[in-house]
């Protein structure tokens, strides 16, 4: 019997089988012997074969979103597989999402061919200077080529406008802890009733409310394959986003605007850090490439050079 993994609690996987039934399954130990350097060899969104209470086979993935495991630097953590798009929920304040975190997520999504929509939440809480800063960020990322939406999940402002973007698709919802993912899902799916936590006053950072990944149907699952329906994948809040399995020479192509200017560089193997005739450095100097984006690129180059994980991002 084949099916779709819709929940991962760490030890059990809930599978919606093709006959419309759900049940919990475990994985056999040999999954960890196949060279999959991952803390979770089976991910939410995987198509699998199940037999006698176990997942015995994983179908080839068309894509996935992956990050470096926080505790095991040589292993990865797959956030979700086989997604049509990702919605990265960010906030300018309470808590502040760093541009480096955004850029690392975007580059990783580009590497695995996952389109991203940036959702700027908590707009209702922003002061005039913060609103101005948010508008500048939106202008930056729209210029690069990413769709952006400004919403308030709390007041429902802009939430319904997201719904057409989600229909008929499997959408990953991700972001730092405390940016309002659970509130947004509760607005989009009233029956979801996900727990919502307050922001930590001491550090203005989010507290985890989601502890495992789960696919939630945006519309009731009807007949036919589950892939024909609309799903939101809720994931635990991420404090850091260490990139994984991206080679130094590939990195340029995952920053859209840097890649465009790199075509004019004098040397084909230009790293865009010091070389003469570097069109990227010139574009940064002339403000055609945002300094924040270039710094994110450099930080990822540094990661690849020193093979380390940066939780601060």
C-alpha atoms as a PDB file:
ATOM      1  CA  UNK A   1       0.000   0.000   0.000  1.00  0.00           C
ATOM      2  CA  UNK A   2       1.268   3.481  -0.880  1.00  0.00           C
ATOM      3  CA  UNK A   3       0.511   6.781   0.797  1.00  0.00           C
ATOM      4  CA  UNK A   4       1.544  10.280   1.852  1.00  0.00           C
ATOM      5  CA  UNK A   5       3.400  11.104   5.079  1.00  0.00           C
ATOM      6  CA  UNK A   6       1.325  13.828   6.737  1.00  0.00           C
ATOM      7  CA  UNK A   7       2.885  13.961  10.228  1.00  0.00           C
ATOM      8  CA  UNK A   8       6.300  13.274  11.729  1.00  0.00           C
ATOM      9  CA  UNK A   9       6.565  13.135  15.534  1.00  0.00           C
ATOM     10  CA  UNK A  10      10.146  11.876  15.554  1.00  0.00           C
ATOM     11  CA  UNK A  11       9.367   8.256  16.327  1.00  0.00           C
ATOM     12  CA  UNK A  12       6.099   7.725  14.448  1.00  0.00           C
ATOM     13  CA  UNK A  13       4.968   8.779  11.000  1.00  0.00           C
ATOM     14  CA  UNK A  14       1.295   9.273  10.181  1.00  0.00           C
ATOM     15  CA  UNK A  15       0.537   8.142   6.635  1.00  0.00           C
ATOM     16  CA  UNK A  16      -2.578   8.908   4.600  1.00  0.00           C
ATOM     17  CA  UNK A  17      -2.847   5.873   2.359  1.00  0.00           C
ATOM     18  CA  UNK A  18      -4.233   5.992  -1.148  1.00  0.00           C
ATOM     19  CA  UNK A  19      -7.460   4.349   0.039  1.00  0.00           C
ATOM     20  CA  UNK A  20      -8.123   7.389   2.268  1.00  0.00           C
ATOM     21  CA  UNK A  21      -7.195   5.871   5.649  1.00  0.00           C
ATOM     22  CA  UNK A  22      -4.648   7.247   8.126  1.00  0.00           C
ATOM     23  CA  UNK A  23      -2.432   5.188  10.427  1.00  0.00           C
ATOM     24  CA  UNK A  24       0.872   5.512  12.299  1.00  0.00           C
ATOM     25  CA  UNK A  25       3.962   3.698  11.067  1.00  0.00           C
ATOM     26  CA  UNK A  26       7.581   3.291  12.117  1.00  0.00           C
ATOM     27  CA  UNK A  27      10.661   3.045   9.929  1.00  0.00           C
ATOM     28  CA  UNK A  28      12.966   0.075   9.675  1.00  0.00           C
ATOM     29  CA  UNK A  29      16.532   0.648  10.826  1.00  0.00           C
ATOM     30  CA  UNK A  30      18.008   0.023   7.392  1.00  0.00           C
ATOM     31  CA  UNK A  31      16.803   3.469   6.263  1.00  0.00           C
ATOM     32  CA  UNK A  32      19.714   4.861   8.243  1.00  0.00           C
ATOM     33  CA  UNK A  33      22.174   2.628   6.380  1.00  0.00           C
ATOM     34  CA  UNK A  34      21.521   3.950   2.897  1.00  0.00           C
ATOM     35  CA  UNK A  35      23.834   6.936   2.983  1.00  0.00           C
ATOM     36  CA  UNK A  36      21.057   9.398   3.844  1.00  0.00           C
ATOM     37  CA  UNK A  37      22.859  11.840   6.125  1.00  0.00           C
ATOM     38  CA  UNK A  38      19.689  13.087   7.731  1.00  0.00           C
ATOM     39  CA  UNK A  39      18.221  13.213  11.214  1.00  0.00           C
ATOM     40  CA  UNK A  40      14.871  12.348   9.602  1.00  0.00           C
ATOM     41  CA  UNK A  41      15.247   9.995   6.620  1.00  0.00           C
ATOM     42  CA  UNK A  42      11.466  10.149   6.123  1.00  0.00           C
ATOM     43  CA  UNK A  43       9.933  13.625   5.850  1.00  0.00           C
ATOM     44  CA  UNK A  44       6.455  15.084   5.775  1.00  0.00           C
ATOM     45  CA  UNK A  45       5.373  15.195   2.139  1.00  0.00           C
ATOM     46  CA  UNK A  46       7.148  11.969   1.217  1.00  0.00           C
ATOM     47  CA  UNK A  47       5.324   9.390  -0.862  1.00  0.00           C
ATOM     48  CA  UNK A  48       6.002   6.022   0.770  1.00  0.00           C
ATOM     49  CA  UNK A  49       5.135   2.341   0.658  1.00  0.00           C
ATOM     50  CA  UNK A  50       3.908   0.804   3.904  1.00  0.00           C
ATOM     51  CA  UNK A  51       3.657  -2.809   5.005  1.00  0.00           C
ATOM     52  CA  UNK A  52       2.991  -4.553   8.345  1.00  0.00           C
ATOM     53  CA  UNK A  53       3.202  -1.360  10.391  1.00  0.00           C
ATOM     54  CA  UNK A  54       6.422  -0.125   8.788  1.00  0.00           C
ATOM     55  CA  UNK A  55       7.458   2.300   6.055  1.00  0.00           C
ATOM     56  CA  UNK A  56       9.455   0.078   3.732  1.00  0.00           C
ATOM     57  CA  UNK A  57      10.161   2.341   0.761  1.00  0.00           C
ATOM     58  CA  UNK A  58      10.362   6.061  -0.098  1.00  0.00           C
ATOM     59  CA  UNK A  59       9.543   7.235  -3.607  1.00  0.00           C
ATOM     60  CA  UNK A  60      11.992   9.600  -5.303  1.00  0.00           C
ATOM     61  CA  UNK A  61      11.477  13.190  -4.180  1.00  0.00           C
ATOM     62  CA  UNK A  62      10.939  15.924  -6.744  1.00  0.00           C
ATOM     63  CA  UNK A  63      12.320  18.496  -4.299  1.00  0.00           C
ATOM     64  CA  UNK A  64      12.732  19.257  -0.615  1.00  0.00           C
ATOM     65  CA  UNK A  65      13.716  22.005   1.791  1.00  0.00           C
ATOM     66  CA  UNK A  66      16.748  21.048   3.848  1.00  0.00           C
ATOM     67  CA  UNK A  67      18.919  22.670   6.496  1.00  0.00           C
ATOM     68  CA  UNK A  68      21.913  21.654   8.536  1.00  0.00           C
ATOM     69  CA  UNK A  69      21.022  19.907  11.775  1.00  0.00           C
ATOM     70  CA  UNK A  70      21.762  22.123  14.772  1.00  0.00           C
ATOM     71  CA  UNK A  71      23.251  19.417  16.966  1.00  0.00           C
ATOM     72  CA  UNK A  72      24.806  17.167  14.336  1.00  0.00           C
ATOM     73  CA  UNK A  73      26.738  19.404  11.970  1.00  0.00           C
ATOM     74  CA  UNK A  74      27.414  16.694   9.381  1.00  0.00           C
ATOM     75  CA  UNK A  75      23.783  15.719   9.142  1.00  0.00           C
ATOM     76  CA  UNK A  76      20.831  17.466   7.587  1.00  0.00           C
ATOM     77  CA  UNK A  77      17.269  18.015   8.648  1.00  0.00           C
ATOM     78  CA  UNK A  78      14.643  17.853   5.906  1.00  0.00           C
ATOM     79  CA  UNK A  79      11.812  20.258   6.686  1.00  0.00           C
ATOM     80  CA  UNK A  80       9.472  18.847   4.030  1.00  0.00           C
ATOM     81  CA  UNK A  81       9.506  17.057   0.691  1.00  0.00           C
ATOM     82  CA  UNK A  82       7.586  17.332  -2.591  1.00  0.00           C
ATOM     83  CA  UNK A  83       6.303  20.868  -2.022  1.00  0.00           C
ATOM     84  CA  UNK A  84       4.911  23.220  -4.657  1.00  0.00           C
ATOM     85  CA  UNK A  85       5.998  26.354  -2.816  1.00  0.00           C
ATOM     86  CA  UNK A  86       7.163  27.722   0.508  1.00  0.00           C
ATOM     87  CA  UNK A  87       5.719  30.626   2.458  1.00  0.00           C
ATOM     88  CA  UNK A  88       8.412  32.163   4.631  1.00  0.00           C
ATOM     89  CA  UNK A  89       6.699  34.125   7.400  1.00  0.00           C
ATOM     90  CA  UNK A  90       8.883  37.014   8.596  1.00  0.00           C
ATOM     91  CA  UNK A  91       8.424  39.912  10.995  1.00  0.00           C
ATOM     92  CA  UNK A  92      10.121  43.293  11.157  1.00  0.00           C
ATOM     93  CA  UNK A  93       9.564  43.424  14.919  1.00  0.00           C
ATOM     94  CA  UNK A  94       8.553  41.182  17.838  1.00  0.00           C
ATOM     95  CA  UNK A  95      10.679  39.256  16.896  1.00  0.00           C
ATOM     96  CA  UNK A  96      12.833  40.741  14.151  1.00  0.00           C
ATOM     97  CA  UNK A  97      13.684  38.373  11.308  1.00  0.00           C
ATOM     98  CA  UNK A  98      17.218  39.052  10.067  1.00  0.00           C
ATOM     99  CA  UNK A  99      17.822  39.556   6.364  1.00  0.00           C
ATOM    100  CA  UNK A 100      20.583  36.953   6.602  1.00  0.00           C
ATOM    101  CA  UNK A 101      18.075  34.340   7.759  1.00  0.00           C
ATOM    102  CA  UNK A 102      15.733  35.287   4.912  1.00  0.00           C
ATOM    103  CA  UNK A 103      18.515  35.120   2.340  1.00  0.00           C
ATOM    104  CA  UNK A 104      19.782  31.749   3.567  1.00  0.00           C
ATOM    105  CA  UNK A 105      16.278  30.299   3.332  1.00  0.00           C
ATOM    106  CA  UNK A 106      15.790  31.760  -0.152  1.00  0.00           C
ATOM    107  CA  UNK A 107      19.132  30.431  -1.394  1.00  0.00           C
ATOM    108  CA  UNK A 108      18.404  26.950  -0.067  1.00  0.00           C
ATOM    109  CA  UNK A 109      14.965  27.014  -1.674  1.00  0.00           C
ATOM    110  CA  UNK A 110      16.530  28.094  -4.989  1.00  0.00           C
ATOM    111  CA  UNK A 111      18.979  25.186  -4.737  1.00  0.00           C
ATOM    112  CA  UNK A 112      16.118  22.698  -4.571  1.00  0.00           C
ATOM    113  CA  UNK A 113      13.803  24.535  -7.004  1.00  0.00           C
ATOM    114  CA  UNK A 114      11.155  25.537  -4.477  1.00  0.00           C
ATOM    115  CA  UNK A 115       9.394  28.869  -5.200  1.00  0.00           C
ATOM    116  CA  UNK A 116       9.092  31.153  -2.145  1.00  0.00           C
ATOM    117  CA  UNK A 117       6.543  33.792  -1.174  1.00  0.00           C
ATOM    118  CA  UNK A 118       7.630  36.155   1.612  1.00  0.00           C
ATOM    119  CA  UNK A 119       4.797  36.864   4.053  1.00  0.00           C
ATOM    120  CA  UNK A 120       5.443  39.904   6.273  1.00  0.00           C
ATOM    121  CA  UNK A 121       3.282  39.360   9.353  1.00  0.00           C
ATOM    122  CA  UNK A 122       2.315  41.541  12.362  1.00  0.00           C
ATOM    123  CA  UNK A 123       1.946  44.649  10.212  1.00  0.00           C
ATOM    124  CA  UNK A 124      -0.612  45.947  12.719  1.00  0.00           C
ATOM    125  CA  UNK A 125       2.060  46.208  15.437  1.00  0.00           C
ATOM    126  CA  UNK A 126       4.534  48.327  13.483  1.00  0.00           C
ATOM    127  CA  UNK A 127       5.395  51.960  14.168  1.00  0.00           C
ATOM    128  CA  UNK A 128       5.705  54.367  11.251  1.00  0.00           C
ATOM    129  CA  UNK A 129       9.519  53.899  11.001  1.00  0.00           C
ATOM    130  CA  UNK A 130       9.055  50.120  11.141  1.00  0.00           C
ATOM    131  CA  UNK A 131       6.388  50.259   8.431  1.00  0.00           C
ATOM    132  CA  UNK A 132       8.807  52.256   6.290  1.00  0.00           C
ATOM    133  CA  UNK A 133      11.541  49.674   6.885  1.00  0.00           C
ATOM    134  CA  UNK A 134       9.146  46.838   6.006  1.00  0.00           C
ATOM    135  CA  UNK A 135       8.212  48.590   2.764  1.00  0.00           C
ATOM    136  CA  UNK A 136      11.900  48.941   1.915  1.00  0.00           C
ATOM    137  CA  UNK A 137      12.402  45.214   2.524  1.00  0.00           C
ATOM    138  CA  UNK A 138       9.414  44.350   0.372  1.00  0.00           C
ATOM    139  CA  UNK A 139      10.720  46.587  -2.397  1.00  0.00           C
ATOM    140  CA  UNK A 140      14.141  44.914  -2.159  1.00  0.00           C
ATOM    141  CA  UNK A 141      12.836  41.357  -2.435  1.00  0.00           C
ATOM    142  CA  UNK A 142      10.260  42.176  -5.105  1.00  0.00           C
ATOM    143  CA  UNK A 143      13.038  43.768  -7.157  1.00  0.00           C
ATOM    144  CA  UNK A 144      15.073  40.569  -6.774  1.00  0.00           C
ATOM    145  CA  UNK A 145      12.070  38.598  -8.024  1.00  0.00           C
ATOM    146  CA  UNK A 146      10.168  37.291  -4.986  1.00  0.00           C
ATOM    147  CA  UNK A 147       6.473  37.778  -4.356  1.00  0.00           C
ATOM    148  CA  UNK A 148       5.810  39.541  -1.049  1.00  0.00           C
ATOM    149  CA  UNK A 149       2.638  39.964   0.994  1.00  0.00           C
ATOM    150  CA  UNK A 150       2.097  42.195   4.056  1.00  0.00           C
ATOM    151  CA  UNK A 151      -0.491  40.805   6.464  1.00  0.00           C
ATOM    152  CA  UNK A 152      -1.665  40.702  10.053  1.00  0.00           C
ATOM    153  CA  UNK A 153      -2.765  37.225  11.068  1.00  0.00           C
ATOM    154  CA  UNK A 154      -4.074  38.708  14.321  1.00  0.00           C
ATOM    155  CA  UNK A 155      -6.444  41.208  12.667  1.00  0.00           C
ATOM    156  CA  UNK A 156      -6.910  39.059   9.528  1.00  0.00           C
ATOM    157  CA  UNK A 157      -5.630  41.883   7.306  1.00  0.00           C
ATOM    158  CA  UNK A 158      -4.496  40.361   3.995  1.00  0.00           C
ATOM    159  CA  UNK A 159      -5.044  36.765   5.146  1.00  0.00           C
ATOM    160  CA  UNK A 160      -7.886  35.914   2.769  1.00  0.00           C
ATOM    161  CA  UNK A 161      -5.828  37.243  -0.125  1.00  0.00           C
ATOM    162  CA  UNK A 162      -3.348  34.436   0.545  1.00  0.00           C
ATOM    163  CA  UNK A 163      -5.925  31.710   0.036  1.00  0.00           C
ATOM    164  CA  UNK A 164      -5.934  31.763  -3.817  1.00  0.00           C
ATOM    165  CA  UNK A 165      -2.141  31.349  -3.730  1.00  0.00           C
ATOM    166  CA  UNK A 166      -2.525  28.129  -1.740  1.00  0.00           C
ATOM    167  CA  UNK A 167      -5.358  26.408  -3.576  1.00  0.00           C
ATOM    168  CA  UNK A 168      -4.412  23.160  -5.273  1.00  0.00           C
ATOM    169  CA  UNK A 169      -0.870  23.283  -3.895  1.00  0.00           C
ATOM    170  CA  UNK A 170       1.263  21.759  -1.155  1.00  0.00           C
ATOM    171  CA  UNK A 171       2.720  24.764   0.672  1.00  0.00           C
ATOM    172  CA  UNK A 172       5.425  24.706   3.335  1.00  0.00           C
ATOM    173  CA  UNK A 173       4.993  27.325   6.063  1.00  0.00           C
ATOM    174  CA  UNK A 174       8.267  28.245   7.749  1.00  0.00           C
ATOM    175  CA  UNK A 175       9.949  31.014   9.726  1.00  0.00           C
ATOM    176  CA  UNK A 176      11.523  31.922  13.043  1.00  0.00           C
ATOM    177  CA  UNK A 177       9.757  31.010  16.259  1.00  0.00           C
ATOM    178  CA  UNK A 178       7.197  33.644  17.216  1.00  0.00           C
ATOM    179  CA  UNK A 179       6.476  35.127  13.793  1.00  0.00           C
ATOM    180  CA  UNK A 180       2.857  33.960  13.909  1.00  0.00           C
ATOM    181  CA  UNK A 181       2.736  30.808  11.782  1.00  0.00           C
ATOM    182  CA  UNK A 182       0.271  29.066  14.097  1.00  0.00           C
ATOM    183  CA  UNK A 183      -2.015  32.103  14.225  1.00  0.00           C
ATOM    184  CA  UNK A 184      -1.937  32.326  10.433  1.00  0.00           C
ATOM    185  CA  UNK A 185      -2.854  28.648  10.060  1.00  0.00           C
ATOM    186  CA  UNK A 186      -5.687  29.066  12.573  1.00  0.00           C
ATOM    187  CA  UNK A 187      -7.047  31.929  10.448  1.00  0.00           C
ATOM    188  CA  UNK A 188      -6.776  29.972   7.199  1.00  0.00           C
ATOM    189  CA  UNK A 189      -8.020  26.696   8.709  1.00  0.00           C
ATOM    190  CA  UNK A 190     -10.414  27.495  11.590  1.00  0.00           C
ATOM    191  CA  UNK A 191     -10.567  23.856  12.709  1.00  0.00           C
ATOM    192  CA  UNK A 192      -6.796  23.531  13.048  1.00  0.00           C
ATOM    193  CA  UNK A 193      -6.759  25.021  16.595  1.00  0.00           C
ATOM    194  CA  UNK A 194      -2.981  25.185  16.825  1.00  0.00           C
ATOM    195  CA  UNK A 195      -1.440  26.408  20.057  1.00  0.00           C
ATOM    196  CA  UNK A 196      -0.134  29.968  20.098  1.00  0.00           C
ATOM    197  CA  UNK A 197       2.541  31.218  22.506  1.00  0.00           C
ATOM    198  CA  UNK A 198       3.480  34.714  23.608  1.00  0.00           C
ATOM    199  CA  UNK A 199       6.759  36.323  22.652  1.00  0.00           C
ATOM    200  CA  UNK A 200       9.465  36.083  25.298  1.00  0.00           C
ATOM    201  CA  UNK A 201       9.683  39.580  26.775  1.00  0.00           C
ATOM    202  CA  UNK A 202      13.263  39.062  27.910  1.00  0.00           C
ATOM    203  CA  UNK A 203      14.697  38.532  24.447  1.00  0.00           C
ATOM    204  CA  UNK A 204      11.850  39.454  22.065  1.00  0.00           C
ATOM    205  CA  UNK A 205      12.161  36.018  20.517  1.00  0.00           C
ATOM    206  CA  UNK A 206       9.547  33.442  19.791  1.00  0.00           C
ATOM    207  CA  UNK A 207       8.801  30.386  21.875  1.00  0.00           C
ATOM    208  CA  UNK A 208       8.183  27.082  20.142  1.00  0.00           C
ATOM    209  CA  UNK A 209       4.543  26.015  19.899  1.00  0.00           C
ATOM    210  CA  UNK A 210       4.878  23.493  17.073  1.00  0.00           C
ATOM    211  CA  UNK A 211       7.125  20.577  18.009  1.00  0.00           C
ATOM    212  CA  UNK A 212       6.738  18.410  14.916  1.00  0.00           C
ATOM    213  CA  UNK A 213       5.966  18.797  11.215  1.00  0.00           C
ATOM    214  CA  UNK A 214       2.454  18.187   9.999  1.00  0.00           C
ATOM    215  CA  UNK A 215       0.453  18.488   6.769  1.00  0.00           C
ATOM    216  CA  UNK A 216      -2.931  20.115   7.334  1.00  0.00           C
ATOM    217  CA  UNK A 217      -5.570  20.014   4.572  1.00  0.00           C
ATOM    218  CA  UNK A 218      -6.630  23.500   3.538  1.00  0.00           C
ATOM    219  CA  UNK A 219      -9.789  22.030   2.086  1.00  0.00           C
ATOM    220  CA  UNK A 220     -11.437  18.729   3.003  1.00  0.00           C
ATOM    221  CA  UNK A 221      -9.725  15.786   1.384  1.00  0.00           C
ATOM    222  CA  UNK A 222     -12.015  14.504  -1.360  1.00  0.00           C
ATOM    223  CA  UNK A 223     -11.693  11.607  -3.717  1.00  0.00           C
ATOM    224  CA  UNK A 224      -8.601  10.806  -5.721  1.00  0.00           C
ATOM    225  CA  UNK A 225      -4.983  11.305  -4.854  1.00  0.00           C
ATOM    226  CA  UNK A 226      -4.159  13.552  -1.860  1.00  0.00           C
ATOM    227  CA  UNK A 227      -1.732  15.410  -4.135  1.00  0.00           C
ATOM    228  CA  UNK A 228      -4.717  16.987  -5.899  1.00  0.00           C
ATOM    229  CA  UNK A 229      -5.768  18.801  -2.735  1.00  0.00           C
ATOM    230  CA  UNK A 230      -4.512  21.896  -0.946  1.00  0.00           C
ATOM    231  CA  UNK A 231      -2.197  21.332   2.011  1.00  0.00           C
ATOM    232  CA  UNK A 232      -0.283  23.528   4.451  1.00  0.00           C
ATOM    233  CA  UNK A 233       2.811  22.016   6.030  1.00  0.00           C
ATOM    234  CA  UNK A 234       3.338  23.427   9.514  1.00  0.00           C
ATOM    235  CA  UNK A 235       6.924  23.143  10.755  1.00  0.00           C
ATOM    236  CA  UNK A 236       8.595  23.953  14.094  1.00  0.00           C
ATOM    237  CA  UNK A 237       9.980  27.487  14.338  1.00  0.00           C
ATOM    238  CA  UNK A 238      13.574  27.771  13.165  1.00  0.00           C
ATOM    239  CA  UNK A 239      16.103  29.820  15.130  1.00  0.00           C
ATOM    240  CA  UNK A 240      18.966  29.278  12.736  1.00  0.00           C
ATOM    241  CA  UNK A 241      19.287  28.171   9.138  1.00  0.00           C
ATOM    242  CA  UNK A 242      22.593  26.492   8.430  1.00  0.00           C
ATOM    243  CA  UNK A 243      22.930  25.686   4.752  1.00  0.00           C
ATOM    244  CA  UNK A 244      23.694  22.147   3.736  1.00  0.00           C
ATOM    245  CA  UNK A 245      25.132  20.459   0.667  1.00  0.00           C
ATOM    246  CA  UNK A 246      25.626  23.615  -1.423  1.00  0.00           C
ATOM    247  CA  UNK A 247      29.021  23.846  -3.127  1.00  0.00           C
ATOM    248  CA  UNK A 248      30.933  27.129  -3.168  1.00  0.00           C
ATOM    249  CA  UNK A 249      30.929  27.325  -6.959  1.00  0.00           C
ATOM    250  CA  UNK A 250      27.151  26.818  -7.059  1.00  0.00           C
ATOM    251  CA  UNK A 251      26.279  29.475  -4.498  1.00  0.00           C
ATOM    252  CA  UNK A 252      26.246  32.410  -6.909  1.00  0.00           C
ATOM    253  CA  UNK A 253      23.394  30.902  -8.918  1.00  0.00           C
ATOM    254  CA  UNK A 254      21.143  30.801  -5.832  1.00  0.00           C
ATOM    255  CA  UNK A 255      21.216  34.595  -5.452  1.00  0.00           C
ATOM    256  CA  UNK A 256      19.227  35.720  -8.482  1.00  0.00           C
ATOM    257  CA  UNK A 257      20.642  39.226  -8.887  1.00  0.00           C
ATOM    258  CA  UNK A 258      24.235  38.205  -8.095  1.00  0.00           C
ATOM    259  CA  UNK A 259      23.982  35.473 -10.724  1.00  0.00           C
ATOM    260  CA  UNK A 260      22.804  37.962 -13.361  1.00  0.00           C
ATOM    261  CA  UNK A 261      25.724  40.333 -12.768  1.00  0.00           C
ATOM    262  CA  UNK A 262      28.216  37.455 -12.477  1.00  0.00           C
ATOM    263  CA  UNK A 263      27.777  36.765 -16.196  1.00  0.00           C
ATOM    264  CA  UNK A 264      29.751  39.975 -16.842  1.00  0.00           C
ATOM    265  CA  UNK A 265      32.702  39.046 -14.597  1.00  0.00           C
ATOM    266  CA  UNK A 266      36.149  38.820 -16.214  1.00  0.00           C
ATOM    267  CA  UNK A 267      36.834  35.354 -14.796  1.00  0.00           C
ATOM    268  CA  UNK A 268      34.400  32.442 -15.083  1.00  0.00           C
ATOM    269  CA  UNK A 269      35.423  31.125 -11.646  1.00  0.00           C
ATOM    270  CA  UNK A 270      35.083  34.518  -9.942  1.00  0.00           C
ATOM    271  CA  UNK A 271      34.128  34.264  -6.255  1.00  0.00           C
ATOM    272  CA  UNK A 272      33.009  37.929  -6.213  1.00  0.00           C
ATOM    273  CA  UNK A 273      35.180  38.723  -3.217  1.00  0.00           C
ATOM    274  CA  UNK A 274      38.378  40.312  -4.530  1.00  0.00           C
ATOM    275  CA  UNK A 275      38.922  39.526  -8.211  1.00  0.00           C
ATOM    276  CA  UNK A 276      39.735  42.294 -10.727  1.00  0.00           C
ATOM    277  CA  UNK A 277      36.997  42.885 -13.260  1.00  0.00           C
ATOM    278  CA  UNK A 278      34.297  41.533 -10.938  1.00  0.00           C
ATOM    279  CA  UNK A 279      30.927  42.833 -12.117  1.00  0.00           C
ATOM    280  CA  UNK A 280      29.260  41.783  -8.850  1.00  0.00           C
ATOM    281  CA  UNK A 281      31.571  43.912  -6.686  1.00  0.00           C
ATOM    282  CA  UNK A 282      30.964  46.838  -9.020  1.00  0.00           C
ATOM    283  CA  UNK A 283      27.172  46.303  -8.789  1.00  0.00           C
ATOM    284  CA  UNK A 284      27.358  46.272  -4.984  1.00  0.00           C
ATOM    285  CA  UNK A 285      29.422  49.471  -5.034  1.00  0.00           C
ATOM    286  CA  UNK A 286      26.882  51.129  -7.325  1.00  0.00           C
ATOM    287  CA  UNK A 287      23.924  49.846  -5.240  1.00  0.00           C
ATOM    288  CA  UNK A 288      22.465  47.608  -7.948  1.00  0.00           C
ATOM    289  CA  UNK A 289      22.935  44.738  -5.486  1.00  0.00           C
ATOM    290  CA  UNK A 290      21.826  45.360  -1.906  1.00  0.00           C
ATOM    291  CA  UNK A 291      24.619  45.326   0.672  1.00  0.00           C
ATOM    292  CA  UNK A 292      22.532  43.035   2.912  1.00  0.00           C
ATOM    293  CA  UNK A 293      22.173  40.446   0.150  1.00  0.00           C
ATOM    294  CA  UNK A 294      25.880  40.557  -0.629  1.00  0.00           C
ATOM    295  CA  UNK A 295      26.743  40.121   3.057  1.00  0.00           C
ATOM    296  CA  UNK A 296      24.440  37.090   3.187  1.00  0.00           C
ATOM    297  CA  UNK A 297      26.265  35.656   0.190  1.00  0.00           C
ATOM    298  CA  UNK A 298      29.629  36.202   1.920  1.00  0.00           C
ATOM    299  CA  UNK A 299      28.405  34.573   5.143  1.00  0.00           C
ATOM    300  CA  UNK A 300      27.369  31.473   3.198  1.00  0.00           C
ATOM    301  CA  UNK A 301      30.718  31.407   1.404  1.00  0.00           C
ATOM    302  CA  UNK A 302      32.361  31.511   4.831  1.00  0.00           C
ATOM    303  CA  UNK A 303      30.221  28.590   5.972  1.00  0.00           C
ATOM    304  CA  UNK A 304      31.345  26.506   3.035  1.00  0.00           C
ATOM    305  CA  UNK A 305      34.959  27.470   3.615  1.00  0.00           C
ATOM    306  CA  UNK A 306      34.963  26.618   7.305  1.00  0.00           C
ATOM    307  CA  UNK A 307      32.224  23.960   7.316  1.00  0.00           C
ATOM    308  CA  UNK A 308      30.349  25.368  10.268  1.00  0.00           C
ATOM    309  CA  UNK A 309      26.836  26.132  11.349  1.00  0.00           C
ATOM    310  CA  UNK A 310      25.807  29.636  12.334  1.00  0.00           C
ATOM    311  CA  UNK A 311      22.836  29.563  14.695  1.00  0.00           C
ATOM    312  CA  UNK A 312      22.746  33.353  14.877  1.00  0.00           C
ATOM    313  CA  UNK A 313      21.340  33.420  11.375  1.00  0.00           C
END
